């Protein structure tokens, strides 16, 4: 059993067998939820096409963060695609809809920002929820802001300028290197 799942300065969380991941950000519970959906394309394809010029993937795990407005309507705001690859989970297809963010009630938007932002809260949720399904998470990041947020959430830079890794379970340096090499051999994911 892990002594600690997260041990970062910003958020330290003790590991428990049963855990409600959203409770890490209880101030958001009334209007912000990150959930896994079976068909990510249904919820986020227009946004995915604008950002990546492709359709959203149909495989893997689709994590969508929804904003619930005061009138009860829910809007998808951010998306994370996660797919299992051997002992790793590959994180990609990350995006946030700035247009939807601008429609939020100011106090709600500020609460999300104060908690670390859309991507940060969603990524932390994915890390906690999928922790028992992998030895490590890998991501490819090409922009500086995403790199900053990813590292704040738990990822660490590797010797490759775009590849980040999050080893949430104990791993020897040799094992870490094996997993990093396996991720690098994949190319873009």
Protein backbone atom coordinates (compact mmCIF):
# COMPACT_ATOMS: atom_id res chain seq x y z
CA UNK A 1 0.00 0.00 0.00
CA UNK A 2 1.21 3.49 -0.74
CA UNK A 3 2.10 5.65 2.22
CA UNK A 4 1.16 8.79 0.29
CA UNK A 5 -0.45 9.13 -3.08
CA UNK A 6 0.44 12.79 -3.40
CA UNK A 7 3.34 14.49 -1.69
CA UNK A 8 3.56 17.83 -3.44
CA UNK A 9 4.08 21.10 -1.59
CA UNK A 10 0.90 22.63 -2.98
CA UNK A 11 -1.42 19.71 -2.16
CA UNK A 12 -0.46 16.89 0.15
CA UNK A 13 -3.01 14.13 0.40
CA UNK A 14 -2.83 10.90 2.35
CA UNK A 15 -3.74 7.75 0.47
CA UNK A 16 -6.96 6.01 1.51
CA UNK A 17 -8.56 2.89 0.07
CA UNK A 18 -11.84 4.67 -0.53
CA UNK A 19 -11.61 8.24 -1.66
CA UNK A 20 -13.98 10.76 -3.18
CA UNK A 21 -11.63 12.56 -5.59
CA UNK A 22 -13.82 15.63 -5.92
CA UNK A 23 -13.49 16.24 -2.17
CA UNK A 24 -10.00 17.58 -2.78
CA UNK A 25 -11.79 20.73 -3.95
CA UNK A 26 -14.96 20.87 -1.81
CA UNK A 27 -15.41 24.56 -2.58
CA UNK A 28 -16.21 23.56 -6.18
CA UNK A 29 -18.60 20.68 -5.56
CA UNK A 30 -21.81 22.68 -6.11
CA UNK A 31 -20.91 23.84 -9.63
CA UNK A 32 -17.87 21.89 -10.91
CA UNK A 33 -17.52 18.15 -11.49
CA UNK A 34 -15.00 16.11 -13.45
CA UNK A 35 -16.44 12.80 -14.56
CA UNK A 36 -15.50 9.98 -16.88
CA UNK A 37 -17.90 9.68 -19.80
CA UNK A 38 -18.16 6.77 -22.20
CA UNK A 39 -18.32 8.98 -25.31
CA UNK A 40 -16.09 12.03 -25.01
CA UNK A 41 -16.69 12.91 -28.64
CA UNK A 42 -20.39 13.54 -27.90
CA UNK A 43 -19.53 16.26 -25.40
CA UNK A 44 -16.39 17.90 -26.72
CA UNK A 45 -15.87 17.16 -30.41
CA UNK A 46 -16.43 20.73 -31.73
CA UNK A 47 -13.90 22.06 -29.20
CA UNK A 48 -11.49 19.20 -29.95
CA UNK A 49 -11.73 19.92 -33.69
CA UNK A 50 -11.01 23.63 -33.13
CA UNK A 51 -7.97 22.88 -31.01
CA UNK A 52 -6.45 19.82 -32.70
CA UNK A 53 -8.06 19.84 -36.18
CA UNK A 54 -9.20 16.23 -35.67
CA UNK A 55 -12.10 14.37 -34.17
CA UNK A 56 -11.85 13.46 -30.51
CA UNK A 57 -10.71 9.87 -29.92
CA UNK A 58 -13.28 7.12 -29.58
CA UNK A 59 -11.04 4.88 -27.45
CA UNK A 60 -9.61 5.17 -23.97
CA UNK A 61 -10.95 7.11 -21.03
CA UNK A 62 -12.68 10.46 -21.49
CA UNK A 63 -12.70 12.89 -18.56
CA UNK A 64 -14.89 15.95 -18.91
CA UNK A 65 -15.20 18.77 -16.40
CA UNK A 66 -18.67 20.24 -16.33
CA UNK A 67 -19.78 23.61 -15.05
CA UNK A 68 -23.29 23.74 -13.57
CA UNK A 69 -24.89 27.16 -13.90
CA UNK A 70 -27.39 28.53 -11.40
CA UNK A 71 -30.26 27.60 -13.75
CA UNK A 72 -29.16 23.92 -13.60
CA UNK A 73 -27.73 23.74 -17.12
CA UNK A 74 -24.37 21.98 -17.42
CA UNK A 75 -21.64 22.88 -19.88
CA UNK A 76 -18.50 20.92 -20.71
CA UNK A 77 -15.50 23.13 -19.95
CA UNK A 78 -12.41 20.95 -20.10
CA UNK A 79 -11.37 17.54 -21.37
CA UNK A 80 -8.60 15.04 -20.70
CA UNK A 81 -8.06 11.89 -22.73
CA UNK A 82 -6.36 9.02 -20.90
CA UNK A 83 -5.43 5.68 -22.37
CA UNK A 84 -3.81 2.67 -20.86
CA UNK A 85 -0.58 1.52 -22.42
CA UNK A 86 0.90 -1.40 -20.54
CA UNK A 87 1.75 -0.24 -17.02
CA UNK A 88 1.27 3.43 -17.94
CA UNK A 89 -1.60 5.78 -18.54
CA UNK A 90 -0.97 8.23 -21.35
CA UNK A 91 -2.55 11.65 -20.91
CA UNK A 92 -3.33 13.73 -23.97
CA UNK A 93 -5.95 15.73 -25.81
CA UNK A 94 -6.11 18.20 -22.94
CA UNK A 95 -8.11 21.34 -23.51
CA UNK A 96 -10.24 23.97 -21.85
CA UNK A 97 -13.00 26.02 -23.44
CA UNK A 98 -12.18 29.65 -22.65
CA UNK A 99 -15.50 30.74 -24.13
CA UNK A 100 -17.43 28.69 -21.60
CA UNK A 101 -15.16 29.95 -18.82
CA UNK A 102 -16.09 33.50 -19.76
CA UNK A 103 -19.81 32.67 -19.37
CA UNK A 104 -19.38 31.46 -15.79
CA UNK A 105 -20.52 33.39 -12.80
CA UNK A 106 -17.51 35.46 -11.71
CA UNK A 107 -17.32 33.99 -8.20
CA UNK A 108 -17.41 30.44 -9.64
CA UNK A 109 -14.71 31.21 -12.19
CA UNK A 110 -12.55 32.73 -9.46
CA UNK A 111 -13.05 29.69 -7.21
CA UNK A 112 -11.86 27.39 -10.01
CA UNK A 113 -8.85 29.64 -10.64
CA UNK A 114 -8.07 29.74 -6.91
CA UNK A 115 -8.15 25.91 -6.81
CA UNK A 116 -5.53 25.79 -9.58
CA UNK A 117 -7.67 26.11 -12.68
CA UNK A 118 -9.70 23.83 -14.93
CA UNK A 119 -6.88 21.63 -16.15
CA UNK A 120 -5.22 21.36 -12.73
CA UNK A 121 -8.38 20.25 -10.91
CA UNK A 122 -9.31 17.82 -13.70
CA UNK A 123 -5.81 16.31 -13.86
CA UNK A 124 -5.67 15.84 -10.09
CA UNK A 125 -9.03 14.10 -10.29
CA UNK A 126 -7.75 11.74 -13.01
CA UNK A 127 -4.57 11.02 -11.03
CA UNK A 128 -6.55 10.03 -7.94
CA UNK A 129 -9.30 8.13 -9.72
CA UNK A 130 -7.03 6.04 -11.96
CA UNK A 131 -4.15 5.56 -9.50
CA UNK A 132 -4.64 1.84 -9.04
CA UNK A 133 -4.69 1.22 -12.81
CA UNK A 134 -1.07 2.10 -13.58
CA UNK A 135 2.50 2.45 -12.38
CA UNK A 136 2.93 5.90 -13.90
CA UNK A 137 1.30 8.59 -15.99
CA UNK A 138 2.97 10.05 -19.06
CA UNK A 139 2.08 13.17 -21.02
CA UNK A 140 3.39 15.10 -24.01
CA UNK A 141 3.23 18.84 -23.61
CA UNK A 142 4.06 21.47 -26.18
CA UNK A 143 3.11 24.76 -24.57
CA UNK A 144 4.66 26.49 -21.56
CA UNK A 145 1.41 27.15 -19.67
CA UNK A 146 0.36 23.50 -19.92
CA UNK A 147 3.82 22.47 -18.73
CA UNK A 148 3.55 24.76 -15.71
CA UNK A 149 0.11 23.46 -14.72
CA UNK A 150 1.05 19.83 -15.39
CA UNK A 151 4.09 20.07 -13.13
CA UNK A 152 2.08 21.79 -10.40
CA UNK A 153 -0.41 18.88 -10.51
CA UNK A 154 2.28 16.21 -10.14
CA UNK A 155 4.01 15.64 -13.46
CA UNK A 156 7.79 16.03 -13.63
CA UNK A 157 9.86 17.00 -16.63
CA UNK A 158 12.01 14.29 -18.18
CA UNK A 159 15.14 14.65 -20.28
CA UNK A 160 12.85 14.95 -23.32
CA UNK A 161 11.61 18.54 -23.58
CA UNK A 162 7.96 17.54 -24.17
CA UNK A 163 7.58 14.31 -22.18
CA UNK A 164 6.44 14.54 -18.57
CA UNK A 165 6.04 11.68 -16.11
CA UNK A 166 4.23 11.20 -12.84
CA UNK A 167 5.41 8.25 -10.77
CA UNK A 168 2.80 8.03 -8.04
CA UNK A 169 4.00 4.63 -6.86
CA UNK A 170 7.50 3.74 -5.72
CA UNK A 171 9.75 2.87 -8.67
CA UNK A 172 13.47 2.29 -8.94
CA UNK A 173 15.46 4.63 -11.18
CA UNK A 174 15.84 1.73 -13.62
CA UNK A 175 12.08 1.16 -13.77
CA UNK A 176 11.42 4.86 -14.24
CA UNK A 177 13.87 4.86 -17.13
CA UNK A 178 12.19 1.80 -18.71
CA UNK A 179 8.81 3.49 -18.61
CA UNK A 180 10.15 6.78 -19.96
CA UNK A 181 11.87 4.92 -22.82
CA UNK A 182 8.64 3.04 -23.61
CA UNK A 183 6.72 6.33 -23.77
CA UNK A 184 9.36 7.94 -25.98
CA UNK A 185 9.28 5.00 -28.41
CA UNK A 186 5.58 5.63 -28.98
CA UNK A 187 6.13 9.03 -30.54
CA UNK A 188 3.19 11.45 -30.34
CA UNK A 189 0.28 10.04 -28.36
